[in-house]
Amino acid sequence: MTLQQLRYMVTIAEKGNISKAAQELFVSQPSLTNSIKELENELGFTVFERTNKGVIVSANGSDFLGYARQVLQQYSLLEERFLKQSGTSPRFSVSTQHYPFAVKAFVEVIKQFDAAHYDFMLRETKTYEIIDDVNKMKSEIGILYKSRANETIIDKLLKQYSLSFEALFTLSPRVFISSMHPLAGREALSLDELSDYPYLSFDQGEHNSFYYSEEILSEYIRPKNIKISDRATLSNLLIGLDGYTVGTGIVNEELNGKNIISKPLISDEEIKIGIITRNNVRLSVYAKTYTEILRSLI
């Protein structure tokens, strides 16, 4: 077993495809395939199960890749600290629902380590894809919420993929609106009061069930609905159309500006924000630091 083989394995897991991994690693596909087979023979189990669409990480492979990532990250830190060499770029990836605090924590991780080189990824994406990314080890951490309405479905899916949910904090839902919204002067808002205004929610693609919605109380029937795919568009429509959405209420002025505010929503619901990770896989130093920063931001 060599460091090069570990890099090969981790890259294949991230790409989900041997051909794409070979391009990323600048090696021929036959050489990469042979290297995988040699290591799998040495290990005595299959790390990747081949399909017509690419590869899927096996149960044993999942545990193995968790340790492989640890080895590569620690080796990179050793090189940079003691050999003063650039070495292989440290890797860390997060998949998250559209939360400004997730972006803020990501920025702080990069600032804290201040590495000369790194290969990090922050992916704001759909709820189901967050779970899929962590399952396929494209991301080390996923960030999403649970509520009374979606908890059973989310927990069932996490159990199916051998993933764990760790709650970071629990909040009461709030309404995001423009600071110039006609209801901006209210102390708190109800869904009935908001019914005349456009409701904005993030598109979940083929999984557009309210169980996978990013917005709590998405099962509530609203006459005016707009689906969007990114936070910039959300902000523009909140301001331009006097729209609203329902979420955590955590506003970061550095990222959102001062034109977006939040108001308490009159509801007995709760939002439980947490991270999802692979079972029995130790987190990297970057993932641990990221989680600590998330807690400190709230």
C-alpha atoms as a PDB file:
ATOM      1  CA  MET A   1       0.000   0.000   0.000  1.00  0.00           C
ATOM      2  CA  THR A   2       1.425   3.370  -1.025  1.00  0.00           C
ATOM      3  CA  LEU A   3       0.452   7.006  -0.590  1.00  0.00           C
ATOM      4  CA  GLN A   4      -0.035   7.214  -4.329  1.00  0.00           C
ATOM      5  CA  GLN A   5      -2.572   4.391  -4.224  1.00  0.00           C
ATOM      6  CA  LEU A   6      -4.408   6.126  -1.384  1.00  0.00           C
ATOM      7  CA  ARG A   7      -4.564   9.327  -3.460  1.00  0.00           C
ATOM      8  CA  TYR A   8      -5.908   7.313  -6.373  1.00  0.00           C
ATOM      9  CA  MET A   9      -8.628   5.749  -4.224  1.00  0.00           C
ATOM     10  CA  VAL A  10      -9.740   9.020  -2.646  1.00  0.00           C
ATOM     11  CA  THR A  11      -9.884  10.782  -6.032  1.00  0.00           C
ATOM     12  CA  ILE A  12     -11.967   7.978  -7.568  1.00  0.00           C
ATOM     13  CA  ALA A  13     -14.401   8.179  -4.648  1.00  0.00           C
ATOM     14  CA  GLU A  14     -14.735  11.947  -5.112  1.00  0.00           C
ATOM     15  CA  LYS A  15     -15.257  11.721  -8.878  1.00  0.00           C
ATOM     16  CA  GLY A  16     -17.417   8.599  -8.796  1.00  0.00           C
ATOM     17  CA  ASN A  17     -15.854   7.574 -12.077  1.00  0.00           C
ATOM     18  CA  ILE A  18     -12.483   5.986 -12.934  1.00  0.00           C
ATOM     19  CA  SER A  19     -12.167   7.808 -16.252  1.00  0.00           C
ATOM     20  CA  LYS A  20     -12.722  11.228 -14.655  1.00  0.00           C
ATOM     21  CA  ALA A  21     -10.328  10.353 -11.840  1.00  0.00           C
ATOM     22  CA  ALA A  22      -7.647   9.378 -14.364  1.00  0.00           C
ATOM     23  CA  GLN A  23      -7.992  12.776 -16.039  1.00  0.00           C
ATOM     24  CA  GLU A  24      -7.755  14.537 -12.673  1.00  0.00           C
ATOM     25  CA  LEU A  25      -4.650  12.537 -11.708  1.00  0.00           C
ATOM     26  CA  PHE A  26      -2.984  12.767 -15.143  1.00  0.00           C
ATOM     27  CA  VAL A  27      -2.584   8.993 -15.424  1.00  0.00           C
ATOM     28  CA  SER A  28      -3.915   6.545 -17.984  1.00  0.00           C
ATOM     29  CA  GLN A  29      -7.133   4.744 -17.173  1.00  0.00           C
ATOM     30  CA  PRO A  30      -5.550   1.255 -17.514  1.00  0.00           C
ATOM     31  CA  SER A  31      -2.759   2.224 -15.083  1.00  0.00           C
ATOM     32  CA  LEU A  32      -5.285   3.548 -12.588  1.00  0.00           C
ATOM     33  CA  THR A  33      -7.458   0.444 -12.895  1.00  0.00           C
ATOM     34  CA  ASN A  34      -4.449  -1.850 -12.371  1.00  0.00           C
ATOM     35  CA  SER A  35      -3.351   0.122  -9.317  1.00  0.00           C
ATOM     36  CA  ILE A  36      -6.838  -0.209  -7.794  1.00  0.00           C
ATOM     37  CA  LYS A  37      -6.931  -3.953  -8.414  1.00  0.00           C
ATOM     38  CA  GLU A  38      -3.488  -4.415  -6.839  1.00  0.00           C
ATOM     39  CA  LEU A  39      -4.538  -2.568  -3.679  1.00  0.00           C
ATOM     40  CA  GLU A  40      -7.895  -4.350  -3.474  1.00  0.00           C
ATOM     41  CA  ASN A  41      -6.065  -7.694  -3.760  1.00  0.00           C
ATOM     42  CA  GLU A  42      -3.734  -6.628  -0.980  1.00  0.00           C
ATOM     43  CA  LEU A  43      -6.631  -5.508   1.214  1.00  0.00           C
ATOM     44  CA  GLY A  44      -8.657  -8.625   0.586  1.00  0.00           C
ATOM     45  CA  PHE A  45     -11.879  -6.774  -0.210  1.00  0.00           C
ATOM     46  CA  THR A  46     -13.406  -4.639  -2.930  1.00  0.00           C
ATOM     47  CA  VAL A  47     -13.300  -0.875  -2.344  1.00  0.00           C
ATOM     48  CA  PHE A  48     -15.345   0.044  -5.424  1.00  0.00           C
ATOM     49  CA  GLU A  49     -18.267  -1.748  -6.990  1.00  0.00           C
ATOM     50  CA  ARG A  50     -18.344  -1.097 -10.733  1.00  0.00           C
ATOM     51  CA  THR A  51     -21.571  -0.023 -12.468  1.00  0.00           C
ATOM     52  CA  ASN A  52     -22.380   1.132 -15.980  1.00  0.00           C
ATOM     53  CA  LYS A  53     -22.484   4.718 -14.659  1.00  0.00           C
ATOM     54  CA  GLY A  54     -19.221   4.642 -12.721  1.00  0.00           C
ATOM     55  CA  VAL A  55     -18.281   3.249  -9.316  1.00  0.00           C
ATOM     56  CA  ILE A  56     -19.975   2.946  -5.921  1.00  0.00           C
ATOM     57  CA  VAL A  57     -18.062   2.730  -2.658  1.00  0.00           C
ATOM     58  CA  SER A  58     -18.576  -0.612  -0.890  1.00  0.00           C
ATOM     59  CA  ALA A  59     -19.294  -0.909   2.847  1.00  0.00           C
ATOM     60  CA  ASN A  60     -15.701  -1.967   3.581  1.00  0.00           C
ATOM     61  CA  GLY A  61     -14.467   0.645   1.132  1.00  0.00           C
ATOM     62  CA  SER A  62     -16.264   3.385   3.032  1.00  0.00           C
ATOM     63  CA  ASP A  63     -14.335   2.636   6.234  1.00  0.00           C
ATOM     64  CA  PHE A  64     -11.079   2.267   4.330  1.00  0.00           C
ATOM     65  CA  LEU A  65     -11.473   5.611   2.525  1.00  0.00           C
ATOM     66  CA  GLY A  66     -12.203   7.374   5.796  1.00  0.00           C
ATOM     67  CA  TYR A  67      -8.810   6.289   7.117  1.00  0.00           C
ATOM     68  CA  ALA A  68      -7.123   6.950   3.765  1.00  0.00           C
ATOM     69  CA  ARG A  69      -8.246  10.574   3.873  1.00  0.00           C
ATOM     70  CA  GLN A  70      -6.841  10.896   7.382  1.00  0.00           C
ATOM     71  CA  VAL A  71      -3.462   9.522   6.279  1.00  0.00           C
ATOM     72  CA  LEU A  72      -3.236  11.862   3.279  1.00  0.00           C
ATOM     73  CA  GLN A  73      -4.236  14.915   5.311  1.00  0.00           C
ATOM     74  CA  GLN A  74      -1.767  14.144   8.077  1.00  0.00           C
ATOM     75  CA  TYR A  75       1.024  13.482   5.562  1.00  0.00           C
ATOM     76  CA  SER A  76       0.324  16.822   3.888  1.00  0.00           C
ATOM     77  CA  LEU A  77       0.527  18.607   7.244  1.00  0.00           C
ATOM     78  CA  LEU A  78       3.816  16.830   8.037  1.00  0.00           C
ATOM     79  CA  GLU A  79       5.306  17.864   4.697  1.00  0.00           C
ATOM     80  CA  GLU A  80       4.315  21.477   5.087  1.00  0.00           C
ATOM     81  CA  ARG A  81       5.390  21.731   8.727  1.00  0.00           C
ATOM     82  CA  PHE A  82       8.676  19.823   8.753  1.00  0.00           C
ATOM     83  CA  LEU A  83       9.862  19.416   5.165  1.00  0.00           C
ATOM     84  CA  LYS A  84       8.739  22.871   4.022  1.00  0.00           C
ATOM     85  CA  GLN A  85       7.387  21.283   0.857  1.00  0.00           C
ATOM     86  CA  SER A  86       4.105  22.038  -0.801  1.00  0.00           C
ATOM     87  CA  GLY A  87       3.223  18.342  -1.142  1.00  0.00           C
ATOM     88  CA  THR A  88      -0.296  17.288  -2.011  1.00  0.00           C
ATOM     89  CA  SER A  89      -2.929  19.932  -1.476  1.00  0.00           C
ATOM     90  CA  PRO A  90      -5.058  19.309   1.655  1.00  0.00           C
ATOM     91  CA  ARG A  91      -8.632  18.389   0.745  1.00  0.00           C
ATOM     92  CA  PHE A  92     -11.861  19.216   2.506  1.00  0.00           C
ATOM     93  CA  SER A  93     -15.394  19.376   1.152  1.00  0.00           C
ATOM     94  CA  VAL A  94     -18.799  20.407   2.520  1.00  0.00           C
ATOM     95  CA  SER A  95     -22.253  20.036   0.998  1.00  0.00           C
ATOM     96  CA  THR A  96     -24.896  22.260   2.542  1.00  0.00           C
ATOM     97  CA  GLN A  97     -28.297  23.789   2.222  1.00  0.00           C
ATOM     98  CA  HIS A  98     -28.215  27.501   1.426  1.00  0.00           C
ATOM     99  CA  TYR A  99     -27.016  28.864   4.774  1.00  0.00           C
ATOM    100  CA  PRO A 100     -24.851  32.018   5.020  1.00  0.00           C
ATOM    101  CA  PHE A 101     -23.344  30.754   8.279  1.00  0.00           C
ATOM    102  CA  ALA A 102     -22.068  27.652   6.448  1.00  0.00           C
ATOM    103  CA  VAL A 103     -20.204  29.941   4.051  1.00  0.00           C
ATOM    104  CA  LYS A 104     -18.885  32.094   6.897  1.00  0.00           C
ATOM    105  CA  ALA A 105     -17.511  29.038   8.726  1.00  0.00           C
ATOM    106  CA  PHE A 106     -15.859  27.840   5.507  1.00  0.00           C
ATOM    107  CA  VAL A 107     -14.114  31.202   5.139  1.00  0.00           C
ATOM    108  CA  GLU A 108     -12.895  31.042   8.736  1.00  0.00           C
ATOM    109  CA  VAL A 109     -11.417  27.558   8.264  1.00  0.00           C
ATOM    110  CA  ILE A 110      -9.339  28.790   5.333  1.00  0.00           C
ATOM    111  CA  LYS A 111      -8.195  31.842   7.289  1.00  0.00           C
ATOM    112  CA  GLN A 112      -7.331  29.783  10.358  1.00  0.00           C
ATOM    113  CA  PHE A 113      -5.101  27.297   8.547  1.00  0.00           C
ATOM    114  CA  ASP A 114      -3.695  29.877   6.117  1.00  0.00           C
ATOM    115  CA  ALA A 115      -2.159  27.113   3.978  1.00  0.00           C
ATOM    116  CA  ALA A 116      -0.013  27.862   0.953  1.00  0.00           C
ATOM    117  CA  HIS A 117      -2.068  25.379  -1.042  1.00  0.00           C
ATOM    118  CA  TYR A 118      -5.337  23.521  -0.580  1.00  0.00           C
ATOM    119  CA  ASP A 119      -8.119  21.908  -2.556  1.00  0.00           C
ATOM    120  CA  PHE A 120     -11.388  22.684  -0.748  1.00  0.00           C
ATOM    121  CA  MET A 121     -14.973  22.556  -1.988  1.00  0.00           C
ATOM    122  CA  LEU A 122     -18.148  24.206  -0.682  1.00  0.00           C
ATOM    123  CA  ARG A 123     -21.273  22.958  -2.427  1.00  0.00           C
ATOM    124  CA  GLU A 124     -24.630  24.643  -1.833  1.00  0.00           C
ATOM    125  CA  THR A 125     -27.048  22.121  -3.236  1.00  0.00           C
ATOM    126  CA  LYS A 126     -30.318  20.219  -2.893  1.00  0.00           C
ATOM    127  CA  THR A 127     -31.201  18.289   0.272  1.00  0.00           C
ATOM    128  CA  TYR A 128     -31.139  14.822  -1.284  1.00  0.00           C
ATOM    129  CA  GLU A 129     -27.827  15.569  -3.016  1.00  0.00           C
ATOM    130  CA  ILE A 130     -26.268  16.627   0.293  1.00  0.00           C
ATOM    131  CA  ILE A 131     -27.052  13.184   1.698  1.00  0.00           C
ATOM    132  CA  ASP A 132     -25.854  11.519  -1.506  1.00  0.00           C
ATOM    133  CA  ASP A 133     -22.589  13.511  -1.489  1.00  0.00           C
ATOM    134  CA  VAL A 134     -21.714  12.357   2.037  1.00  0.00           C
ATOM    135  CA  ASN A 135     -22.804   8.801   1.254  1.00  0.00           C
ATOM    136  CA  LYS A 136     -20.509   8.685  -1.797  1.00  0.00           C
ATOM    137  CA  MET A 137     -17.754  10.539   0.098  1.00  0.00           C
ATOM    138  CA  LYS A 138     -17.758  13.467  -2.294  1.00  0.00           C
ATOM    139  CA  SER A 139     -18.150  15.571   0.844  1.00  0.00           C
ATOM    140  CA  GLU A 140     -16.864  14.902   4.332  1.00  0.00           C
ATOM    141  CA  ILE A 141     -19.686  16.861   5.972  1.00  0.00           C
ATOM    142  CA  GLY A 142     -23.247  17.701   5.031  1.00  0.00           C
ATOM    143  CA  ILE A 143     -25.344  20.448   6.636  1.00  0.00           C
ATOM    144  CA  LEU A 144     -29.140  20.320   6.708  1.00  0.00           C
ATOM    145  CA  TYR A 145     -32.091  20.736   9.057  1.00  0.00           C
ATOM    146  CA  LYS A 146     -34.679  18.446  10.587  1.00  0.00           C
ATOM    147  CA  SER A 147     -38.153  19.274  11.873  1.00  0.00           C
ATOM    148  CA  ARG A 148     -41.190  17.336  13.064  1.00  0.00           C
ATOM    149  CA  ALA A 149     -42.462  17.194   9.483  1.00  0.00           C
ATOM    150  CA  ASN A 150     -39.385  15.737   7.787  1.00  0.00           C
ATOM    151  CA  GLU A 151     -37.520  13.970  10.618  1.00  0.00           C
ATOM    152  CA  THR A 152     -38.903  10.471   9.983  1.00  0.00           C
ATOM    153  CA  ILE A 153     -38.056  10.542   6.265  1.00  0.00           C
ATOM    154  CA  ILE A 154     -34.602  12.106   6.744  1.00  0.00           C
ATOM    155  CA  ASP A 155     -33.684   9.655   9.535  1.00  0.00           C
ATOM    156  CA  LYS A 156     -34.786   6.706   7.410  1.00  0.00           C
ATOM    157  CA  LEU A 157     -32.588   7.851   4.521  1.00  0.00           C
ATOM    158  CA  LEU A 158     -29.598   8.481   6.795  1.00  0.00           C
ATOM    159  CA  LYS A 159     -29.936   5.012   8.325  1.00  0.00           C
ATOM    160  CA  GLN A 160     -30.137   3.454   4.865  1.00  0.00           C
ATOM    161  CA  TYR A 161     -26.791   5.040   3.939  1.00  0.00           C
ATOM    162  CA  SER A 162     -25.110   4.487   7.340  1.00  0.00           C
ATOM    163  CA  LEU A 163     -24.925   8.215   8.058  1.00  0.00           C
ATOM    164  CA  SER A 164     -25.246  10.053  11.373  1.00  0.00           C
ATOM    165  CA  PHE A 165     -26.913  13.355  12.213  1.00  0.00           C
ATOM    166  CA  GLU A 166     -25.382  15.517  14.960  1.00  0.00           C
ATOM    167  CA  ALA A 167     -27.502  18.489  16.002  1.00  0.00           C
ATOM    168  CA  LEU A 168     -25.558  21.739  16.319  1.00  0.00           C
ATOM    169  CA  PHE A 169     -28.356  24.045  17.466  1.00  0.00           C
ATOM    170  CA  THR A 170     -32.144  24.352  17.551  1.00  0.00           C
ATOM    171  CA  LEU A 171     -33.967  27.529  16.545  1.00  0.00           C
ATOM    172  CA  SER A 172     -37.479  28.846  16.170  1.00  0.00           C
ATOM    173  CA  PRO A 173     -38.375  29.609  12.530  1.00  0.00           C
ATOM    174  CA  ARG A 174     -38.161  33.172  11.267  1.00  0.00           C
ATOM    175  CA  VAL A 175     -39.273  35.018   8.151  1.00  0.00           C
ATOM    176  CA  PHE A 176     -36.726  36.584   5.783  1.00  0.00           C
ATOM    177  CA  ILE A 177     -38.003  39.767   4.122  1.00  0.00           C
ATOM    178  CA  SER A 178     -36.651  43.014   2.709  1.00  0.00           C
ATOM    179  CA  SER A 179     -36.023  45.845   5.163  1.00  0.00           C
ATOM    180  CA  MET A 180     -38.466  47.866   2.979  1.00  0.00           C
ATOM    181  CA  HIS A 181     -41.191  45.204   3.022  1.00  0.00           C
ATOM    182  CA  PRO A 182     -44.690  46.516   3.955  1.00  0.00           C
ATOM    183  CA  LEU A 183     -44.635  44.202   7.005  1.00  0.00           C
ATOM    184  CA  ALA A 184     -41.098  45.078   8.097  1.00  0.00           C
ATOM    185  CA  GLY A 185     -42.366  47.085  11.073  1.00  0.00           C
ATOM    186  CA  ARG A 186     -44.198  44.139  12.652  1.00  0.00           C
ATOM    187  CA  GLU A 187     -42.817  42.479  15.792  1.00  0.00           C
ATOM    188  CA  ALA A 188     -43.708  39.013  14.501  1.00  0.00           C
ATOM    189  CA  LEU A 189     -45.472  37.576  11.456  1.00  0.00           C
ATOM    190  CA  SER A 190     -47.945  34.785  10.740  1.00  0.00           C
ATOM    191  CA  LEU A 191     -48.260  32.758   7.545  1.00  0.00           C
ATOM    192  CA  ASP A 192     -51.763  34.135   7.043  1.00  0.00           C
ATOM    193  CA  GLU A 193     -50.434  37.724   7.065  1.00  0.00           C
ATOM    194  CA  LEU A 194     -47.855  36.738   4.426  1.00  0.00           C
ATOM    195  CA  SER A 195     -50.273  34.999   2.064  1.00  0.00           C
ATOM    196  CA  ASP A 196     -50.581  38.033  -0.255  1.00  0.00           C
ATOM    197  CA  TYR A 197     -46.833  38.051  -0.941  1.00  0.00           C
ATOM    198  CA  PRO A 198     -44.711  35.730  -3.133  1.00  0.00           C
ATOM    199  CA  TYR A 199     -43.238  32.756  -1.269  1.00  0.00           C
ATOM    200  CA  LEU A 200     -39.672  31.899  -2.295  1.00  0.00           C
ATOM    201  CA  SER A 201     -38.222  28.418  -1.905  1.00  0.00           C
ATOM    202  CA  PHE A 202     -35.206  26.549  -3.231  1.00  0.00           C
ATOM    203  CA  ASP A 203     -35.875  24.107  -6.053  1.00  0.00           C
ATOM    204  CA  GLN A 204     -35.179  20.476  -5.080  1.00  0.00           C
ATOM    205  CA  GLY A 205     -35.264  19.058  -8.598  1.00  0.00           C
ATOM    206  CA  GLU A 206     -36.812  15.602  -8.849  1.00  0.00           C
ATOM    207  CA  HIS A 207     -37.075  15.504  -5.035  1.00  0.00           C
ATOM    208  CA  ASN A 208     -39.441  18.473  -4.710  1.00  0.00           C
ATOM    209  CA  SER A 209     -41.407  16.841  -1.885  1.00  0.00           C
ATOM    210  CA  PHE A 210     -41.869  18.971   1.240  1.00  0.00           C
ATOM    211  CA  TYR A 211     -39.856  16.295   3.087  1.00  0.00           C
ATOM    212  CA  TYR A 212     -36.742  17.505   1.252  1.00  0.00           C
ATOM    213  CA  SER A 213     -37.592  21.200   1.260  1.00  0.00           C
ATOM    214  CA  GLU A 214     -35.042  23.625   2.720  1.00  0.00           C
ATOM    215  CA  GLU A 215     -37.846  25.733   4.133  1.00  0.00           C
ATOM    216  CA  ILE A 216     -39.720  24.641   7.225  1.00  0.00           C
ATOM    217  CA  LEU A 217     -43.550  24.539   6.995  1.00  0.00           C
ATOM    218  CA  SER A 218     -43.259  23.997   3.252  1.00  0.00           C
ATOM    219  CA  GLU A 219     -46.398  21.805   3.373  1.00  0.00           C
ATOM    220  CA  TYR A 220     -48.434  24.976   4.017  1.00  0.00           C
ATOM    221  CA  ILE A 221     -50.524  25.894   0.930  1.00  0.00           C
ATOM    222  CA  ARG A 222     -49.567  29.288  -0.520  1.00  0.00           C
ATOM    223  CA  PRO A 223     -51.214  31.055  -3.473  1.00  0.00           C
ATOM    224  CA  LYS A 224     -47.998  32.651  -4.808  1.00  0.00           C
ATOM    225  CA  ASN A 225     -44.920  30.435  -5.194  1.00  0.00           C
ATOM    226  CA  ILE A 226     -41.544  31.015  -6.825  1.00  0.00           C
ATOM    227  CA  LYS A 227     -38.808  28.351  -7.014  1.00  0.00           C
ATOM    228  CA  ILE A 228     -35.221  29.575  -7.144  1.00  0.00           C
ATOM    229  CA  SER A 229     -31.802  27.883  -7.165  1.00  0.00           C
ATOM    230  CA  ASP A 230     -29.334  30.281  -5.510  1.00  0.00           C
ATOM    231  CA  ARG A 231     -29.109  32.757  -2.641  1.00  0.00           C
ATOM    232  CA  ALA A 232     -28.332  35.758  -4.845  1.00  0.00           C
ATOM    233  CA  THR A 233     -31.615  35.330  -6.711  1.00  0.00           C
ATOM    234  CA  LEU A 234     -33.422  34.844  -3.418  1.00  0.00           C
ATOM    235  CA  SER A 235     -32.103  38.169  -2.116  1.00  0.00           C
ATOM    236  CA  ASN A 236     -33.032  39.987  -5.332  1.00  0.00           C
ATOM    237  CA  LEU A 237     -36.599  38.665  -5.283  1.00  0.00           C
ATOM    238  CA  LEU A 238     -37.058  39.356  -1.578  1.00  0.00           C
ATOM    239  CA  ILE A 239     -36.269  42.992  -2.336  1.00  0.00           C
ATOM    240  CA  GLY A 240     -37.761  43.386  -5.812  1.00  0.00           C
ATOM    241  CA  LEU A 241     -41.069  41.573  -5.260  1.00  0.00           C
ATOM    242  CA  ASP A 242     -41.614  41.991  -1.518  1.00  0.00           C
ATOM    243  CA  GLY A 243     -41.244  38.235  -1.343  1.00  0.00           C
ATOM    244  CA  TYR A 244     -40.554  36.157   1.754  1.00  0.00           C
ATOM    245  CA  THR A 245     -39.096  32.846   2.788  1.00  0.00           C
ATOM    246  CA  VAL A 246     -38.937  30.927   6.054  1.00  0.00           C
ATOM    247  CA  GLY A 247     -35.687  29.769   7.633  1.00  0.00           C
ATOM    248  CA  THR A 248     -33.289  30.048  10.550  1.00  0.00           C
ATOM    249  CA  GLY A 249     -33.325  33.830  10.687  1.00  0.00           C
ATOM    250  CA  ILE A 250     -29.528  33.928  10.890  1.00  0.00           C
ATOM    251  CA  VAL A 251     -28.436  36.890   8.780  1.00  0.00           C
ATOM    252  CA  ASN A 252     -24.800  37.633   7.988  1.00  0.00           C
ATOM    253  CA  GLU A 253     -24.481  41.251   6.853  1.00  0.00           C
ATOM    254  CA  GLU A 254     -21.082  40.576   5.260  1.00  0.00           C
ATOM    255  CA  LEU A 255     -22.729  38.092   2.889  1.00  0.00           C
ATOM    256  CA  ASN A 256     -26.360  39.227   2.790  1.00  0.00           C
ATOM    257  CA  GLY A 257     -26.012  42.994   3.108  1.00  0.00           C
ATOM    258  CA  LYS A 258     -28.255  45.171   5.258  1.00  0.00           C
ATOM    259  CA  ASN A 259     -31.328  44.991   3.033  1.00  0.00           C
ATOM    260  CA  ILE A 260     -32.461  41.570   4.279  1.00  0.00           C
ATOM    261  CA  ILE A 261     -33.923  41.223   7.772  1.00  0.00           C
ATOM    262  CA  SER A 262     -35.647  38.453   9.713  1.00  0.00           C
ATOM    263  CA  LYS A 263     -38.754  38.478  11.879  1.00  0.00           C
ATOM    264  CA  PRO A 264     -40.083  35.807  14.268  1.00  0.00           C
ATOM    265  CA  LEU A 265     -42.673  33.521  12.702  1.00  0.00           C
ATOM    266  CA  ILE A 266     -45.698  32.805  14.869  1.00  0.00           C
ATOM    267  CA  SER A 267     -45.373  29.030  15.073  1.00  0.00           C
ATOM    268  CA  ASP A 268     -44.619  26.267  17.569  1.00  0.00           C
ATOM    269  CA  GLU A 269     -42.268  24.513  15.106  1.00  0.00           C
ATOM    270  CA  GLU A 270     -38.505  24.198  15.614  1.00  0.00           C
ATOM    271  CA  ILE A 271     -35.574  23.961  13.222  1.00  0.00           C
ATOM    272  CA  LYS A 272     -32.811  21.565  14.223  1.00  0.00           C
ATOM    273  CA  ILE A 273     -29.640  22.353  12.262  1.00  0.00           C
ATOM    274  CA  GLY A 274     -26.960  19.680  12.218  1.00  0.00           C
ATOM    275  CA  ILE A 275     -24.166  17.963  10.352  1.00  0.00           C
ATOM    276  CA  ILE A 276     -24.303  14.563   8.707  1.00  0.00           C
ATOM    277  CA  THR A 277     -21.234  12.330   8.485  1.00  0.00           C
ATOM    278  CA  ARG A 278     -20.322   8.749   7.663  1.00  0.00           C
ATOM    279  CA  ASN A 279     -20.680   6.313  10.563  1.00  0.00           C
ATOM    280  CA  ASN A 280     -17.405   5.151  12.130  1.00  0.00           C
ATOM    281  CA  VAL A 281     -15.275   7.522  10.038  1.00  0.00           C
ATOM    282  CA  ARG A 282     -13.073   9.960  11.931  1.00  0.00           C
ATOM    283  CA  LEU A 283     -13.299  13.563  10.800  1.00  0.00           C
ATOM    284  CA  SER A 284     -10.270  15.386   9.439  1.00  0.00           C
ATOM    285  CA  VAL A 285      -8.752  18.309  11.323  1.00  0.00           C
ATOM    286  CA  TYR A 286     -10.453  20.639   8.832  1.00  0.00           C
ATOM    287  CA  ALA A 287     -13.882  19.068   9.397  1.00  0.00           C
ATOM    288  CA  LYS A 288     -13.471  19.237  13.184  1.00  0.00           C
ATOM    289  CA  THR A 289     -12.427  22.874  13.012  1.00  0.00           C
ATOM    290  CA  TYR A 290     -15.293  23.687  10.647  1.00  0.00           C
ATOM    291  CA  THR A 291     -17.810  22.139  13.064  1.00  0.00           C
ATOM    292  CA  GLU A 292     -16.355  24.063  16.028  1.00  0.00           C
ATOM    293  CA  ILE A 293     -16.559  27.330  14.080  1.00  0.00           C
ATOM    294  CA  LEU A 294     -20.176  26.617  13.113  1.00  0.00           C
ATOM    295  CA  ARG A 295     -21.100  26.264  16.771  1.00  0.00           C
ATOM    296  CA  SER A 296     -19.261  29.458  17.707  1.00  0.00           C
ATOM    297  CA  LEU A 297     -21.006  31.514  15.013  1.00  0.00           C
ATOM    298  CA  ILE A 298     -24.511  30.966  16.346  1.00  0.00           C
END
